[in-house]
N, C-alpha and C. Protein backbone atom coordinates (compact mmCIF):
# COMPACT_ATOMS: atom_id res chain seq x y z
N UNK A 1 2.05 -2.05 8.65
CA UNK A 1 0.75 -1.20 8.95
C UNK A 1 0.26 -1.21 10.26
N UNK A 2 -0.32 -0.10 10.59
CA UNK A 2 -0.64 0.04 12.19
C UNK A 2 -1.78 -0.98 12.45
N UNK A 3 -2.30 -1.32 13.81
CA UNK A 3 -3.23 -1.95 13.94
C UNK A 3 -4.62 -1.35 13.44
N UNK A 4 -4.61 0.11 13.68
CA UNK A 4 -5.91 0.66 13.21
C UNK A 4 -5.85 0.42 11.85
N UNK A 5 -4.75 1.01 11.17
CA UNK A 5 -5.04 1.05 9.58
C UNK A 5 -5.46 -0.49 9.27
N UNK A 6 -4.93 -1.58 9.89
CA UNK A 6 -5.20 -3.03 9.33
C UNK A 6 -6.87 -3.29 9.62
N UNK A 7 -7.25 -2.88 10.73
CA UNK A 7 -8.44 -2.99 11.07
C UNK A 7 -9.49 -2.20 10.12
N UNK A 8 -9.07 -1.05 9.79
CA UNK A 8 -9.75 -0.26 9.13
C UNK A 8 -10.10 -0.56 7.65
N UNK A 9 -9.06 -1.35 7.17
CA UNK A 9 -9.01 -1.97 5.99
C UNK A 9 -10.16 -3.21 5.75
N UNK A 10 -9.94 -4.08 7.01
CA UNK A 10 -10.98 -5.07 7.42
C UNK A 10 -12.39 -4.67 7.19
N UNK A 11 -12.49 -3.67 7.82
CA UNK A 11 -13.98 -3.14 8.13
C UNK A 11 -14.53 -2.54 6.72
N UNK A 12 -13.59 -1.81 6.02
CA UNK A 12 -13.96 -1.31 4.68
C UNK A 12 -14.62 -2.56 3.74
N UNK A 13 -13.72 -3.63 3.73
CA UNK A 13 -13.92 -4.98 2.66
C UNK A 13 -15.25 -5.30 3.30
N UNK A 14 -15.51 -5.47 4.60
CA UNK A 14 -16.38 -6.28 5.26
C UNK A 14 -17.98 -5.27 4.76
N UNK A 15 -17.92 -4.18 5.20
CA UNK A 15 -19.25 -3.26 4.79
C UNK A 15 -19.48 -3.08 3.42
N UNK A 16 -18.54 -2.96 2.50
CA UNK A 16 -18.66 -2.85 1.27
C UNK A 16 -18.94 -3.84 0.46
N UNK A 17 -18.64 -5.11 0.70
CA UNK A 17 -18.66 -6.42 0.18
C UNK A 17 -19.74 -7.27 0.81
N UNK A 18 -19.54 -7.58 2.03
CA UNK A 18 -20.44 -8.54 2.66
C UNK A 18 -21.64 -8.06 3.20
N UNK A 19 -21.72 -6.98 3.97
CA UNK A 19 -22.58 -6.70 4.97
C UNK A 19 -23.53 -5.45 4.42
N UNK A 20 -23.36 -4.98 3.18
CA UNK A 20 -24.03 -3.79 2.68
C UNK A 20 -25.58 -3.87 2.52
N UNK A 21 -25.95 -4.99 2.24
CA UNK A 21 -27.45 -5.36 1.96
C UNK A 21 -27.87 -5.33 3.23
N UNK A 22 -27.34 -6.21 4.13
CA UNK A 22 -27.89 -6.55 5.68
C UNK A 22 -28.08 -4.91 6.28
N UNK A 23 -26.86 -4.34 6.33
CA UNK A 23 -26.81 -2.93 7.08
C UNK A 23 -27.89 -2.15 6.33
N UNK A 24 -28.22 -1.99 5.07
CA UNK A 24 -29.15 -1.14 4.46
C UNK A 24 -30.31 -1.49 5.15
N UNK A 25 -30.86 -2.81 5.06
CA UNK A 25 -32.12 -3.27 5.73
C UNK A 25 -32.11 -2.86 7.14
N UNK A 26 -30.95 -3.14 7.99
CA UNK A 26 -31.19 -2.95 9.33
C UNK A 26 -31.42 -1.67 9.68
N UNK A 27 -31.05 -0.51 8.96
CA UNK A 27 -31.02 0.83 9.11
C UNK A 27 -32.44 1.34 8.48
N UNK A 28 -33.05 0.76 7.87
CA UNK A 28 -34.40 1.12 7.50
C UNK A 28 -35.80 0.63 8.14
N UNK A 29 -36.68 0.90 7.46
CA UNK A 29 -37.93 0.40 8.15
C UNK A 29 -38.38 -0.98 7.83
N UNK A 30 -37.57 -1.53 6.88
CA UNK A 30 -37.97 -2.99 6.45
C UNK A 30 -38.05 -3.97 7.60
N UNK A 31 -38.94 -4.84 7.42
CA UNK A 31 -39.07 -5.91 8.37
C UNK A 31 -37.85 -6.65 8.47
N UNK A 32 -37.60 -7.05 9.82
CA UNK A 32 -36.41 -7.94 10.10
C UNK A 32 -36.63 -8.85 10.96
N UNK A 33 -35.65 -9.64 11.36
CA UNK A 33 -35.85 -10.92 12.29
C UNK A 33 -35.91 -10.32 13.61
N UNK A 34 -36.40 -11.00 14.69
CA UNK A 34 -36.65 -10.62 16.20
C UNK A 34 -35.39 -10.13 16.67
N UNK A 35 -34.02 -11.03 16.54
CA UNK A 35 -32.89 -10.46 17.13
C UNK A 35 -32.54 -8.81 16.43
N UNK A 36 -32.73 -8.84 15.11
CA UNK A 36 -32.21 -7.82 14.57
C UNK A 36 -33.13 -6.44 14.72
N UNK A 37 -34.47 -6.94 14.77
CA UNK A 37 -35.27 -5.65 15.48
C UNK A 37 -34.71 -5.25 16.77
N UNK A 38 -34.25 -6.01 17.64
CA UNK A 38 -33.76 -5.48 18.92
C UNK A 38 -32.33 -4.79 18.75
N UNK A 39 -31.73 -5.16 17.82
CA UNK A 39 -30.43 -4.44 17.63
C UNK A 39 -31.04 -3.10 16.92
N UNK A 40 -31.76 -3.15 16.14
CA UNK A 40 -32.29 -1.71 15.59
C UNK A 40 -32.92 -1.02 16.55
N UNK A 41 -33.62 -1.56 17.48
CA UNK A 41 -34.05 -0.68 18.77
C UNK A 41 -33.05 -0.18 19.50
N UNK A 42 -32.01 -0.90 19.92
CA UNK A 42 -30.78 -0.48 20.44
C UNK A 42 -29.94 0.57 19.87
N UNK A 43 -29.89 0.63 18.56
CA UNK A 43 -29.18 1.56 17.70
C UNK A 43 -30.00 2.91 17.76
N UNK A 44 -31.34 2.75 17.72
CA UNK A 44 -32.27 4.03 17.71
C UNK A 44 -32.17 4.57 19.17
N UNK A 45 -31.92 3.83 20.18
CA UNK A 45 -32.06 4.52 21.60
C UNK A 45 -30.69 5.27 21.68
N UNK A 46 -29.42 4.59 21.28
CA UNK A 46 -28.17 4.95 21.25
C UNK A 46 -28.20 6.36 20.43
N UNK A 47 -28.83 6.28 19.26
CA UNK A 47 -28.66 7.64 18.49
C UNK A 47 -29.38 8.75 19.33
N UNK A 48 -30.61 8.48 19.63
CA UNK A 48 -31.44 9.23 20.57
C UNK A 48 -30.57 9.73 21.74
N UNK A 49 -29.97 9.24 22.42
CA UNK A 49 -29.06 9.43 23.52
C UNK A 49 -27.97 10.43 23.15
N UNK A 50 -27.07 10.15 22.05
CA UNK A 50 -26.12 10.88 21.57
C UNK A 50 -26.61 12.18 21.13
N UNK A 51 -27.74 12.39 20.51
CA UNK A 51 -28.43 13.34 19.80
C UNK A 51 -28.70 14.33 21.09
N UNK A 52 -29.18 13.54 22.28
CA UNK A 52 -29.73 14.45 23.34
C UNK A 52 -28.59 15.35 24.00
N UNK A 53 -27.40 14.91 23.67
CA UNK A 53 -26.19 15.50 24.26
C UNK A 53 -25.89 16.64 23.35
N UNK A 54 -26.24 16.83 22.14
CA UNK A 54 -26.31 17.91 21.44
C UNK A 54 -27.17 19.05 21.64
N UNK A 55 -27.04 20.18 21.29
CA UNK A 55 -28.18 21.25 21.44
C UNK A 55 -29.23 21.00 20.50
N UNK A 56 -30.42 21.45 20.71
CA UNK A 56 -31.60 21.49 20.17
C UNK A 56 -31.39 22.18 19.00
N UNK A 57 -30.98 23.55 19.09
CA UNK A 57 -30.72 24.36 17.95
C UNK A 57 -29.35 24.45 17.62
N UNK A 58 -28.80 23.85 16.64
CA UNK A 58 -27.34 23.93 16.11
C UNK A 58 -27.05 24.86 14.98
N UNK A 59 -27.95 25.70 14.89
CA UNK A 59 -27.85 26.85 13.53
C UNK A 59 -26.42 27.30 13.95
N UNK A 60 -25.67 27.18 12.62
CA UNK A 60 -24.45 27.79 12.92
C UNK A 60 -23.15 27.10 13.54
N UNK A 61 -23.53 25.90 13.94
CA UNK A 61 -22.51 25.07 14.40
C UNK A 61 -22.05 23.94 13.52
N UNK A 62 -20.95 23.38 13.61
CA UNK A 62 -20.26 22.35 12.77
C UNK A 62 -20.37 20.94 13.53
N UNK A 63 -20.44 19.90 12.91
CA UNK A 63 -20.42 18.46 13.31
C UNK A 63 -19.79 17.64 12.52
N UNK A 64 -18.95 16.65 13.13
CA UNK A 64 -18.34 15.77 12.23
C UNK A 64 -19.03 14.39 12.69
N UNK A 65 -19.74 13.70 11.86
CA UNK A 65 -20.35 12.46 12.15
C UNK A 65 -18.99 11.49 11.64
N UNK A 66 -18.62 11.02 12.62
CA UNK A 66 -17.12 10.12 12.32
C UNK A 66 -17.70 8.58 12.22
N UNK A 67 -17.82 8.13 11.05
CA UNK A 67 -18.54 6.80 10.87
C UNK A 67 -20.00 6.76 10.77
N UNK A 68 -20.51 7.45 9.76
CA UNK A 68 -21.75 7.90 9.54
C UNK A 68 -22.70 6.91 9.29
N UNK A 69 -22.12 5.85 8.59
CA UNK A 69 -22.89 4.61 8.21
C UNK A 69 -24.01 5.08 7.23
N UNK A 70 -25.37 4.80 7.46
CA UNK A 70 -26.24 5.21 6.60
C UNK A 70 -26.81 6.75 6.84
N UNK A 71 -26.32 7.40 7.93
CA UNK A 71 -26.49 8.89 8.01
C UNK A 71 -27.58 9.38 8.69
N UNK A 72 -28.29 8.69 9.67
CA UNK A 72 -29.58 8.91 10.33
C UNK A 72 -29.06 9.97 11.45
N UNK A 73 -28.09 10.00 11.90
CA UNK A 73 -27.70 10.87 12.82
C UNK A 73 -27.26 12.10 12.38
N UNK A 74 -26.48 12.12 11.31
CA UNK A 74 -26.27 13.22 10.52
C UNK A 74 -27.26 14.01 9.95
N UNK A 75 -28.29 13.27 9.46
CA UNK A 75 -29.41 13.99 8.93
C UNK A 75 -30.21 14.74 10.02
N UNK A 76 -30.26 14.14 11.11
CA UNK A 76 -30.99 14.66 12.29
C UNK A 76 -30.26 16.12 12.85
N UNK A 77 -29.00 16.03 12.93
CA UNK A 77 -28.10 17.04 13.27
C UNK A 77 -28.42 18.16 12.29
N UNK A 78 -28.27 17.93 10.84
CA UNK A 78 -28.52 19.02 9.91
C UNK A 78 -29.84 19.52 9.99
N UNK A 79 -30.99 18.60 10.14
CA UNK A 79 -32.33 19.30 10.64
C UNK A 79 -32.35 20.27 11.54
N UNK A 80 -31.27 20.28 12.60
CA UNK A 80 -31.18 20.96 14.01
C UNK A 80 -30.80 22.54 13.44
N UNK A 81 -29.86 22.28 12.16
CA UNK A 81 -29.20 23.56 11.53
C UNK A 81 -27.67 23.43 11.72
N UNK A 82 -27.30 22.14 12.09
CA UNK A 82 -25.67 22.10 11.85
C UNK A 82 -25.08 22.03 10.53
N UNK A 83 -24.01 22.25 10.44
CA UNK A 83 -23.47 22.06 9.03
C UNK A 83 -22.53 20.74 9.33
N UNK A 84 -22.93 19.56 8.61
CA UNK A 84 -22.64 18.30 8.93
C UNK A 84 -21.41 17.79 7.96
N UNK A 85 -20.39 17.40 8.57
CA UNK A 85 -19.68 16.65 7.50
C UNK A 85 -19.63 15.21 8.05
N UNK A 86 -20.16 14.35 7.21
CA UNK A 86 -20.47 12.96 7.61
C UNK A 86 -19.37 12.07 6.73
N UNK A 87 -18.67 11.28 7.36
CA UNK A 87 -17.45 10.39 6.82
C UNK A 87 -17.64 8.87 7.23
N UNK A 88 -17.27 8.03 6.32
CA UNK A 88 -17.27 6.62 6.60
C UNK A 88 -16.23 6.20 5.47
N UNK A 89 -15.68 4.84 5.95
CA UNK A 89 -14.88 4.08 5.15
C UNK A 89 -15.75 3.32 3.95
N UNK A 90 -16.96 3.02 4.05
CA UNK A 90 -17.60 2.24 3.26
C UNK A 90 -18.37 3.12 2.13
N UNK A 91 -18.10 3.21 0.77
CA UNK A 91 -18.39 3.87 -0.35
C UNK A 91 -19.97 3.42 -0.29
N UNK A 92 -20.26 2.38 -0.08
CA UNK A 92 -21.62 1.66 -0.23
C UNK A 92 -22.48 2.50 0.74
N UNK A 93 -22.02 2.47 2.13
CA UNK A 93 -23.15 3.05 2.97
C UNK A 93 -23.18 4.59 2.63
N UNK A 94 -21.97 5.32 2.43
CA UNK A 94 -22.07 6.72 2.23
C UNK A 94 -23.11 7.04 1.02
N UNK A 95 -23.08 6.23 0.00
CA UNK A 95 -23.84 6.19 -1.09
C UNK A 95 -25.43 6.28 -0.67
N UNK A 96 -25.65 5.26 0.30
CA UNK A 96 -27.01 5.00 0.52
C UNK A 96 -27.39 6.25 1.19
N UNK A 97 -26.66 6.63 2.41
CA UNK A 97 -26.62 7.86 3.32
C UNK A 97 -27.00 8.98 2.40
N UNK A 98 -26.31 9.28 1.33
CA UNK A 98 -26.47 10.41 0.53
C UNK A 98 -27.95 10.45 -0.15
N UNK A 99 -28.14 9.17 -0.62
CA UNK A 99 -29.60 8.66 -1.21
C UNK A 99 -30.93 9.11 -0.20
N UNK A 100 -30.51 8.62 1.00
CA UNK A 100 -31.55 8.99 1.99
C UNK A 100 -31.72 10.48 2.43
N UNK A 101 -30.65 11.18 2.29
CA UNK A 101 -30.70 12.52 2.93
C UNK A 101 -31.31 13.61 1.84
N UNK A 102 -31.67 12.93 0.49
CA UNK A 102 -32.45 13.75 -0.49
C UNK A 102 -31.59 15.25 -0.76
N UNK A 103 -30.25 15.09 -0.52
CA UNK A 103 -29.60 16.39 -0.90
C UNK A 103 -29.80 17.32 -0.16
N UNK A 104 -29.68 17.26 1.34
CA UNK A 104 -29.98 18.16 2.27
C UNK A 104 -28.90 19.27 2.27
N UNK A 105 -29.03 20.37 2.04
CA UNK A 105 -28.13 21.49 1.76
C UNK A 105 -27.01 21.36 2.94
N UNK A 106 -27.19 21.07 4.10
CA UNK A 106 -25.98 21.27 5.21
C UNK A 106 -25.34 20.04 5.31
N UNK A 107 -25.48 18.90 4.54
CA UNK A 107 -24.93 17.75 4.73
C UNK A 107 -23.91 17.49 3.61
N UNK A 108 -22.56 17.02 4.25
CA UNK A 108 -21.43 16.93 3.23
C UNK A 108 -21.06 15.53 3.41
N UNK A 109 -21.54 14.70 2.58
CA UNK A 109 -20.98 13.29 2.81
C UNK A 109 -19.78 12.98 2.10
N UNK A 110 -18.74 11.97 2.77
CA UNK A 110 -17.52 11.96 2.28
C UNK A 110 -17.19 10.38 2.54
N UNK A 111 -16.31 9.70 1.75
CA UNK A 111 -15.86 8.50 1.89
C UNK A 111 -14.45 8.63 2.20
N UNK A 112 -14.03 8.13 3.33
CA UNK A 112 -12.66 8.17 3.92
C UNK A 112 -12.51 7.93 5.42
N UNK A 113 -11.32 8.27 5.72
CA UNK A 113 -10.82 7.92 7.28
C UNK A 113 -11.45 8.83 8.22
N UNK A 114 -12.07 8.37 9.13
CA UNK A 114 -12.67 9.65 10.15
C UNK A 114 -11.82 10.43 10.90
N UNK A 115 -10.50 9.75 11.02
CA UNK A 115 -9.41 10.44 11.76
C UNK A 115 -8.58 11.45 10.69
N UNK A 116 -8.99 11.60 9.82
CA UNK A 116 -8.24 12.53 8.86
C UNK A 116 -8.03 13.86 9.00
N UNK A 117 -6.89 14.48 9.63
CA UNK A 117 -6.82 15.68 10.20
C UNK A 117 -7.31 16.93 9.30
N UNK A 118 -7.27 16.60 7.86
CA UNK A 118 -7.40 17.36 7.07
C UNK A 118 -9.04 17.85 6.99
N UNK A 119 -9.90 17.03 7.64
CA UNK A 119 -11.27 17.43 7.60
C UNK A 119 -11.53 18.77 8.45
N UNK A 120 -10.47 19.10 9.35
CA UNK A 120 -10.71 20.38 10.00
C UNK A 120 -11.13 20.18 11.38
N UNK A 121 -11.65 21.42 11.96
CA UNK A 121 -12.22 21.42 13.25
C UNK A 121 -13.68 21.58 13.25
N UNK A 122 -14.29 21.11 14.26
CA UNK A 122 -15.67 21.10 14.41
C UNK A 122 -16.11 21.62 15.87
N UNK A 123 -17.44 22.07 16.04
CA UNK A 123 -17.82 22.24 17.31
C UNK A 123 -18.31 21.11 18.15
N UNK A 124 -18.69 20.04 17.37
CA UNK A 124 -18.88 18.77 18.04
C UNK A 124 -18.45 17.73 17.15
N UNK A 125 -18.08 16.60 17.56
CA UNK A 125 -17.90 15.31 16.87
C UNK A 125 -18.57 13.93 17.60
N UNK A 126 -19.34 13.27 16.88
CA UNK A 126 -19.79 12.21 17.22
C UNK A 126 -19.27 10.93 16.47
N UNK A 127 -19.12 9.81 17.27
CA UNK A 127 -18.67 8.55 16.65
C UNK A 127 -19.32 7.55 17.26
N UNK A 128 -20.52 7.33 16.48
CA UNK A 128 -21.63 6.16 16.99
C UNK A 128 -21.26 4.81 16.67
N UNK A 129 -20.74 3.99 17.45
CA UNK A 129 -20.39 2.55 17.14
C UNK A 129 -19.47 2.45 15.92
N UNK A 130 -18.56 3.46 15.68
CA UNK A 130 -17.56 3.31 14.60
C UNK A 130 -16.22 2.94 15.33
N UNK A 131 -16.17 2.98 16.66
CA UNK A 131 -14.87 2.62 17.14
C UNK A 131 -14.93 1.23 17.88
N UNK A 132 -15.85 0.68 17.82
CA UNK A 132 -16.17 -0.58 18.69
C UNK A 132 -15.38 -1.84 18.09
N UNK A 133 -14.83 -1.68 16.89
CA UNK A 133 -14.20 -2.97 16.42
C UNK A 133 -12.63 -2.81 16.75
N UNK A 134 -12.16 -1.78 17.40
CA UNK A 134 -10.72 -1.38 17.55
C UNK A 134 -10.32 -1.65 19.09
N UNK A 135 -8.92 -2.00 19.19
CA UNK A 135 -8.36 -2.03 20.60
C UNK A 135 -8.40 -0.90 21.33
N UNK A 136 -8.53 -1.01 22.64
CA UNK A 136 -8.81 -0.08 23.66
C UNK A 136 -7.82 1.09 23.47
N UNK A 137 -6.23 0.59 22.83
CA UNK A 137 -5.26 1.52 22.85
C UNK A 137 -5.43 2.45 21.52
N UNK A 138 -5.86 1.73 20.47
CA UNK A 138 -6.35 2.33 19.39
C UNK A 138 -7.72 3.32 19.41
N UNK A 139 -8.41 3.13 20.14
CA UNK A 139 -9.39 3.98 20.51
C UNK A 139 -9.19 5.16 21.28
N UNK A 140 -8.35 4.91 22.21
CA UNK A 140 -7.72 6.05 23.01
C UNK A 140 -7.15 7.08 22.15
N UNK A 141 -6.15 6.62 21.01
CA UNK A 141 -5.27 7.40 20.41
C UNK A 141 -6.17 8.18 19.45
N UNK A 142 -7.11 7.31 19.03
CA UNK A 142 -8.22 8.21 18.07
C UNK A 142 -9.00 9.19 18.69
N UNK A 143 -9.30 8.96 19.80
CA UNK A 143 -10.18 10.01 20.70
C UNK A 143 -9.23 11.19 20.97
N UNK A 144 -8.03 11.03 21.21
CA UNK A 144 -7.29 12.17 21.62
C UNK A 144 -7.08 12.97 20.37
N UNK A 145 -6.77 12.45 19.20
CA UNK A 145 -6.83 13.08 17.89
C UNK A 145 -7.97 13.89 17.68
N UNK A 146 -9.22 13.13 17.87
CA UNK A 146 -10.52 13.86 17.56
C UNK A 146 -10.87 14.78 18.58
N UNK A 147 -10.42 14.85 19.73
CA UNK A 147 -10.67 15.55 20.77
C UNK A 147 -9.81 16.99 20.60
N UNK A 148 -8.74 16.87 20.12
CA UNK A 148 -8.00 18.10 19.85
C UNK A 148 -8.38 18.95 18.49
N UNK A 149 -9.47 18.33 17.90
CA UNK A 149 -10.27 19.26 16.76
C UNK A 149 -11.72 19.49 17.07
N UNK A 150 -12.02 19.22 18.52
CA UNK A 150 -13.40 19.62 18.81
C UNK A 150 -13.72 20.85 19.74
N UNK A 151 -14.52 21.76 19.18
CA UNK A 151 -14.24 23.00 19.97
C UNK A 151 -15.35 22.83 21.25
N UNK A 152 -16.39 21.98 21.18
CA UNK A 152 -17.23 21.77 22.42
C UNK A 152 -17.10 20.57 22.95
N UNK A 153 -17.43 19.34 22.25
CA UNK A 153 -17.48 18.17 22.70
C UNK A 153 -17.17 17.11 21.71
N UNK A 154 -16.66 15.91 22.15
CA UNK A 154 -16.84 14.68 21.41
C UNK A 154 -17.75 13.32 22.35
N UNK A 155 -18.61 12.93 21.26
CA UNK A 155 -19.29 11.88 21.91
C UNK A 155 -19.08 10.54 21.21
N UNK A 156 -18.91 9.47 21.91
CA UNK A 156 -18.46 8.28 21.18
C UNK A 156 -19.02 6.97 21.86
N UNK A 157 -19.03 5.92 21.27
CA UNK A 157 -19.56 4.47 21.74
C UNK A 157 -18.28 3.56 21.91
N UNK A 158 -18.50 2.88 22.72
CA UNK A 158 -17.69 1.57 22.85
C UNK A 158 -18.33 0.30 23.34
N UNK A 159 -17.81 -0.95 22.83
CA UNK A 159 -18.52 -2.00 23.48
C UNK A 159 -18.01 -2.24 24.91
N UNK A 160 -18.81 -2.42 25.85
CA UNK A 160 -18.43 -2.44 27.13
C UNK A 160 -18.03 -4.15 27.47
N UNK A 161 -17.12 -4.41 28.25
CA UNK A 161 -16.66 -5.79 28.49
C UNK A 161 -17.55 -6.63 29.36
N UNK A 162 -18.64 -6.73 29.02
CA UNK A 162 -20.01 -7.58 29.73
C UNK A 162 -19.49 -8.96 29.58
N UNK A 163 -20.30 -9.70 30.62
CA UNK A 163 -19.92 -11.37 30.37
C UNK A 163 -20.73 -11.80 29.24
N UNK A 164 -21.64 -11.16 28.55
CA UNK A 164 -22.29 -11.40 27.26
C UNK A 164 -21.25 -11.10 26.18
N UNK A 165 -20.93 -10.22 26.10
CA UNK A 165 -19.92 -9.60 25.08
C UNK A 165 -18.56 -10.26 24.95
N UNK A 166 -18.21 -10.50 26.12
CA UNK A 166 -17.01 -11.19 26.20
C UNK A 166 -17.04 -12.60 25.64
N UNK A 167 -18.36 -13.30 26.15
CA UNK A 167 -18.39 -14.55 25.68
C UNK A 167 -18.58 -14.59 23.99
N UNK A 168 -19.37 -13.62 23.57
CA UNK A 168 -19.48 -13.66 22.09
C UNK A 168 -18.17 -13.33 21.39
N UNK A 169 -17.40 -12.73 21.98
CA UNK A 169 -16.07 -12.37 21.29
C UNK A 169 -15.43 -13.67 21.27
N UNK A 170 -15.14 -14.28 22.32
CA UNK A 170 -14.40 -15.51 22.47
C UNK A 170 -14.93 -16.88 21.56
N UNK A 171 -16.30 -16.76 21.53
CA UNK A 171 -16.86 -17.87 20.51
C UNK A 171 -16.56 -17.35 19.12
N UNK A 172 -16.57 -16.07 18.66
CA UNK A 172 -16.45 -15.67 17.47
C UNK A 172 -14.66 -15.99 16.90
N UNK A 173 -13.88 -15.84 17.93
CA UNK A 173 -12.60 -16.33 17.54
C UNK A 173 -12.41 -17.81 16.89
N UNK A 174 -13.30 -18.41 17.57
CA UNK A 174 -13.30 -20.12 17.03
C UNK A 174 -13.56 -20.29 15.74
N UNK A 175 -14.31 -19.20 14.91
CA UNK A 175 -14.54 -19.79 13.76
C UNK A 175 -13.36 -19.39 12.61
N UNK A 176 -13.28 -20.08 11.62
CA UNK A 176 -12.24 -19.85 10.53
C UNK A 176 -12.56 -18.41 10.24
N UNK A 177 -11.05 -17.73 9.88
CA UNK A 177 -11.10 -16.32 9.52
C UNK A 177 -12.00 -15.92 8.35
N UNK A 178 -12.17 -16.82 7.51
CA UNK A 178 -12.89 -16.72 6.14
C UNK A 178 -14.54 -16.56 6.56
N UNK A 179 -14.87 -17.19 7.71
CA UNK A 179 -16.16 -16.97 7.89
C UNK A 179 -16.49 -15.89 9.21
N UNK A 180 -15.49 -15.27 9.55
CA UNK A 180 -15.62 -14.30 10.43
C UNK A 180 -16.24 -12.97 9.73
N UNK A 181 -17.07 -12.08 10.58
CA UNK A 181 -17.13 -10.88 10.62
C UNK A 181 -16.11 -9.97 11.38
N UNK A 182 -15.76 -8.84 11.07
CA UNK A 182 -14.84 -8.37 12.06
C UNK A 182 -15.62 -7.97 13.61
N UNK A 183 -14.95 -8.59 14.25
CA UNK A 183 -15.42 -8.75 15.93
C UNK A 183 -15.23 -7.35 16.46
N UNK A 184 -16.20 -7.16 17.17
CA UNK A 184 -15.99 -5.95 18.34
C UNK A 184 -14.97 -6.33 19.18
N UNK A 185 -14.52 -5.26 19.75
CA UNK A 185 -13.57 -5.50 20.79
C UNK A 185 -14.16 -4.93 22.14
N UNK A 186 -14.50 -5.94 23.03
CA UNK A 186 -14.98 -5.56 24.43
C UNK A 186 -14.02 -4.76 25.19
N UNK A 187 -14.45 -3.61 25.90
CA UNK A 187 -13.49 -2.68 26.48
C UNK A 187 -13.99 -2.32 27.98
N UNK A 188 -13.18 -2.58 28.91
CA UNK A 188 -13.62 -2.08 30.28
C UNK A 188 -13.66 -0.73 30.50
N UNK A 189 -14.94 -0.29 31.04
CA UNK A 189 -14.87 1.20 31.03
C UNK A 189 -14.03 1.94 32.00
N UNK A 190 -13.64 0.91 32.94
CA UNK A 190 -12.53 1.86 33.95
C UNK A 190 -11.27 1.80 33.16
N UNK A 191 -10.89 0.81 32.37
CA UNK A 191 -9.73 0.83 31.52
C UNK A 191 -9.68 1.76 30.64
N UNK A 192 -10.67 2.08 30.20
CA UNK A 192 -10.90 3.33 28.93
C UNK A 192 -10.70 4.60 29.56
N UNK A 193 -11.39 4.67 30.66
CA UNK A 193 -11.47 6.01 31.42
C UNK A 193 -9.74 6.20 31.73
N UNK A 194 -9.14 5.18 32.13
CA UNK A 194 -7.94 5.64 32.51
C UNK A 194 -6.95 5.88 31.40
N UNK A 195 -7.21 5.26 30.33
CA UNK A 195 -6.53 5.65 28.96
C UNK A 195 -6.76 6.97 28.55
N UNK A 196 -7.89 7.37 28.83
CA UNK A 196 -8.43 8.88 28.44
C UNK A 196 -8.33 9.80 29.41
N UNK A 197 -7.45 9.46 30.51
CA UNK A 197 -7.42 10.34 31.65
C UNK A 197 -6.91 11.90 31.32
N UNK A 198 -6.26 12.10 30.24
CA UNK A 198 -5.71 13.55 30.10
C UNK A 198 -6.99 14.44 29.62
N UNK A 199 -7.93 13.66 29.30
CA UNK A 199 -9.29 14.20 28.59
C UNK A 199 -10.24 14.57 29.73
N UNK A 200 -11.14 15.64 29.51
CA UNK A 200 -12.28 15.87 30.36
C UNK A 200 -13.61 15.01 30.04
N UNK A 201 -13.70 14.08 30.93
CA UNK A 201 -14.81 13.22 30.48
C UNK A 201 -16.29 13.64 30.99
N UNK A 202 -17.17 13.72 30.24
CA UNK A 202 -18.64 14.20 30.73
C UNK A 202 -19.57 13.23 31.12
N UNK A 203 -20.85 13.11 30.56
CA UNK A 203 -21.70 12.25 30.67
C UNK A 203 -21.47 10.88 30.14
N UNK A 204 -22.05 9.71 30.59
CA UNK A 204 -21.87 8.48 29.95
C UNK A 204 -23.27 7.54 30.14
N UNK A 205 -23.53 6.84 29.34
CA UNK A 205 -24.91 5.95 29.26
C UNK A 205 -24.54 4.88 28.60
N UNK A 206 -25.50 3.82 29.28
CA UNK A 206 -25.03 2.28 28.48
C UNK A 206 -26.76 1.91 28.01
N UNK A 207 -26.61 1.41 26.77
CA UNK A 207 -27.76 1.01 26.05
C UNK A 207 -27.50 -0.43 25.94
N UNK A 208 -28.80 -1.63 26.25
CA UNK A 208 -28.68 -2.93 26.20
C UNK A 208 -29.83 -3.24 25.70
N UNK A 209 -30.00 -3.86 24.49
CA UNK A 209 -31.03 -4.51 23.84
C UNK A 209 -30.80 -5.96 23.32
N UNK A 210 -30.93 -6.93 24.08
CA UNK A 210 -30.53 -7.96 23.47
C UNK A 210 -28.98 -8.38 23.16
N UNK A 211 -28.86 -8.28 21.83
CA UNK A 211 -27.25 -8.58 21.41
C UNK A 211 -26.54 -7.15 21.21
N UNK A 212 -27.66 -6.15 21.36
CA UNK A 212 -26.90 -4.83 21.10
C UNK A 212 -26.66 -4.45 22.70
N UNK A 213 -25.40 -4.04 22.86
CA UNK A 213 -24.77 -3.41 23.81
C UNK A 213 -23.72 -2.52 23.86
N UNK A 214 -24.03 -1.24 24.10
CA UNK A 214 -23.02 -0.33 23.74
C UNK A 214 -23.17 0.90 24.77
N UNK A 215 -21.83 1.49 25.14
CA UNK A 215 -21.81 2.37 26.00
C UNK A 215 -21.33 3.71 25.38
N UNK A 216 -22.11 4.81 25.87
CA UNK A 216 -21.63 6.01 25.30
C UNK A 216 -21.12 6.94 26.22
N UNK A 217 -19.84 7.65 25.76
CA UNK A 217 -19.12 8.62 26.74
C UNK A 217 -18.88 9.78 26.05
N UNK A 218 -18.96 10.83 26.96
CA UNK A 218 -18.89 12.12 26.33
C UNK A 218 -17.33 12.77 26.96
N UNK A 219 -16.64 13.44 25.73
CA UNK A 219 -15.53 14.08 26.35
C UNK A 219 -15.65 15.72 25.96
N UNK A 220 -15.42 16.43 26.87
CA UNK A 220 -15.78 17.98 26.90
C UNK A 220 -14.38 18.72 26.63
N UNK A 221 -14.48 19.68 25.66
CA UNK A 221 -13.52 20.38 25.25
C UNK A 221 -13.00 21.36 26.62
N UNK A 222 -11.78 21.51 26.67
CA UNK A 222 -11.28 22.11 27.84
C UNK A 222 -11.02 23.75 27.41
C-alpha cells in the first residue's frame, strides 16, 4: 500500500472513531478550552483567507472541497452560487456536514478519496488542512493530480516547518503508537515550492494562532 493510502486509512479511523465528537465541538459554536478556542480562531481565519481567493459571485462555477470536514467552507461557496462537491474520508464528518447544511440544493456531500479522478473537473479546488498529515512528496503528487482537474485554481494548506511545529512533531513520535493521533507532517515552504515547480504558484499566506499554524498556497491554472 502506498504511503498516501496508508496514511489515508489511519486518518479515516481517527476521525470516525476517535476524534469525531471533539471535531464536531471544535467546528461548532460550543464552548471549548482556551487552546481549542485559538485553534478554532485560526481555522476560521484560514477559511476566510481561502474564501477571499475565490470570486464573491460564484454563480455557475463548480468547486471541489477536498477534505470538507464539517462543511463550513463548502456551505459558504454554495451560498455564493457555486455548485459544490464536498468530499471527505470520514463518514461521520460528512454526515455532520450534510446535517448542518440543511439540504442546500447546490451542495453534494460524498464520502471517499479527495483524489478520486472520477469526481471530474472543477473551476476551483480547495483543500483546507486536508493534506497536512502527508509527506511532502505525497502532497506534491496529490496537488499535481488536483491541478490537472482545475480550470481556474487550486488552494491548499500545509503545515509549515516552524520550530514550534517541528518540536511538537518530534515529541509526538515519543508516544506509543496506540496513544498517538495522526501527526501533522511539517514541510518547508521552499522545499514544497521546489516540488511544485512545474505548477504556476499564486498567492500564499500564513495563519498562526497558538497551536494552530497553517500556510495557504494558491496554484493557478495555466
